[in-house]
């Protein structure tokens, strides 16, 4: 998962089954170009779709839950139906 904050991006990843966080100086759009299997779900969130555990809410106020991440991730109306369709496969 990647969370953008201005010109910094918080990267969350698993290393030896332990969740790690690394902050890099970059923009989310640059990270999207570098991570081909990432799925943007919100203007400031990028996730690995294979780690999506569930989706809840509706197109106006939706959230997703990822494996190994405690907090819910907001999902924008623009991306809600695409993620829901991906999960139904």
Protein backbone atom coordinates (compact mmCIF):
# COMPACT_ATOMS: atom_id res chain seq x y z
CA UNK A 1 0.00 0.00 0.00
CA UNK A 2 1.14 3.54 -0.67
CA UNK A 3 -0.31 6.66 0.90
CA UNK A 4 0.56 10.06 -0.57
CA UNK A 5 1.15 13.16 1.51
CA UNK A 6 2.14 16.08 -0.71
CA UNK A 7 5.62 15.25 -2.09
CA UNK A 8 6.11 12.24 0.18
CA UNK A 9 4.71 8.74 -0.08
CA UNK A 10 4.40 6.27 2.79
CA UNK A 11 5.06 2.77 1.45
CA UNK A 12 3.80 -0.18 3.46
CA UNK A 13 5.10 -3.62 2.55
CA UNK A 14 5.67 -7.07 4.00
CA UNK A 15 9.19 -8.18 4.77
CA UNK A 16 9.52 -11.64 6.29
CA UNK A 17 5.79 -11.51 7.18
CA UNK A 18 6.25 -8.26 9.13
CA UNK A 19 4.59 -5.03 8.00
CA UNK A 20 7.19 -2.33 7.34
CA UNK A 21 6.84 1.35 6.50
CA UNK A 22 9.20 3.43 4.40
CA UNK A 23 8.80 7.11 3.54
CA UNK A 24 10.13 8.25 0.18
CA UNK A 25 10.27 11.67 -1.42
CA UNK A 26 8.14 11.24 -4.51
CA UNK A 27 4.63 11.75 -5.78
CA UNK A 28 1.94 9.11 -6.01
CA UNK A 29 1.82 9.43 -9.80
CA UNK A 30 5.53 8.51 -10.02
CA UNK A 31 5.00 5.53 -7.70
CA UNK A 32 2.05 4.38 -9.84
CA UNK A 33 4.34 4.31 -12.88
CA UNK A 34 6.94 2.26 -10.98
CA UNK A 35 4.50 -0.31 -9.55
CA UNK A 36 2.64 -1.85 -12.50
CA UNK A 37 0.34 -4.12 -10.47
CA UNK A 38 -0.77 -1.32 -8.12
CA UNK A 39 -4.39 -0.17 -8.20
CA UNK A 40 -5.23 3.42 -7.31
CA UNK A 41 -8.33 3.42 -5.12
CA UNK A 42 -8.32 7.05 -3.97
CA UNK A 43 -6.44 10.19 -4.94
CA UNK A 44 -3.90 9.47 -2.20
CA UNK A 45 -3.95 5.66 -1.95
CA UNK A 46 -2.45 2.93 -4.09
CA UNK A 47 -2.91 -0.75 -3.15
CA UNK A 48 -1.91 -4.18 -4.36
CA UNK A 49 -5.28 -5.66 -5.41
CA UNK A 50 -4.23 -9.17 -4.40
CA UNK A 51 -4.16 -7.98 -0.76
CA UNK A 52 -7.73 -6.62 -0.78
CA UNK A 53 -9.70 -8.58 1.79
CA UNK A 54 -13.10 -6.90 1.55
CA UNK A 55 -14.97 -3.87 0.28
CA UNK A 56 -17.77 -2.18 2.21
CA UNK A 57 -20.06 0.78 1.89
CA UNK A 58 -21.36 2.14 -1.38
CA UNK A 59 -20.06 4.26 -4.23
CA UNK A 60 -20.47 7.46 -2.23
CA UNK A 61 -18.69 6.34 0.94
CA UNK A 62 -16.80 3.12 0.42
CA UNK A 63 -13.84 1.56 2.19
CA UNK A 64 -11.64 -1.44 1.60
CA UNK A 65 -9.83 -3.63 4.07
CA UNK A 66 -6.41 -5.02 3.25
CA UNK A 67 -4.68 -8.07 4.66
CA UNK A 68 -2.14 -7.08 7.35
CA UNK A 69 -3.44 -3.45 7.54
CA UNK A 70 -5.61 -2.52 10.54
CA UNK A 71 -7.17 0.70 9.24
CA UNK A 72 -9.84 0.89 6.53
CA UNK A 73 -8.72 2.54 3.29
CA UNK A 74 -11.13 5.02 1.67
CA UNK A 75 -12.16 4.28 -1.88
CA UNK A 76 -13.38 7.04 -4.15
CA UNK A 77 -16.59 6.76 -6.19
CA UNK A 78 -14.47 6.87 -9.35
CA UNK A 79 -12.68 3.61 -8.40
CA UNK A 80 -15.39 1.81 -6.40
CA UNK A 81 -17.07 -0.16 -9.21
CA UNK A 82 -13.76 -1.19 -10.79
CA UNK A 83 -12.44 -2.62 -7.52
CA UNK A 84 -15.75 -4.33 -6.79
CA UNK A 85 -15.70 -5.93 -10.23
CA UNK A 86 -12.09 -7.08 -9.67
CA UNK A 87 -13.05 -8.74 -6.38
CA UNK A 88 -15.96 -10.61 -7.99
CA UNK A 89 -13.59 -12.45 -10.35
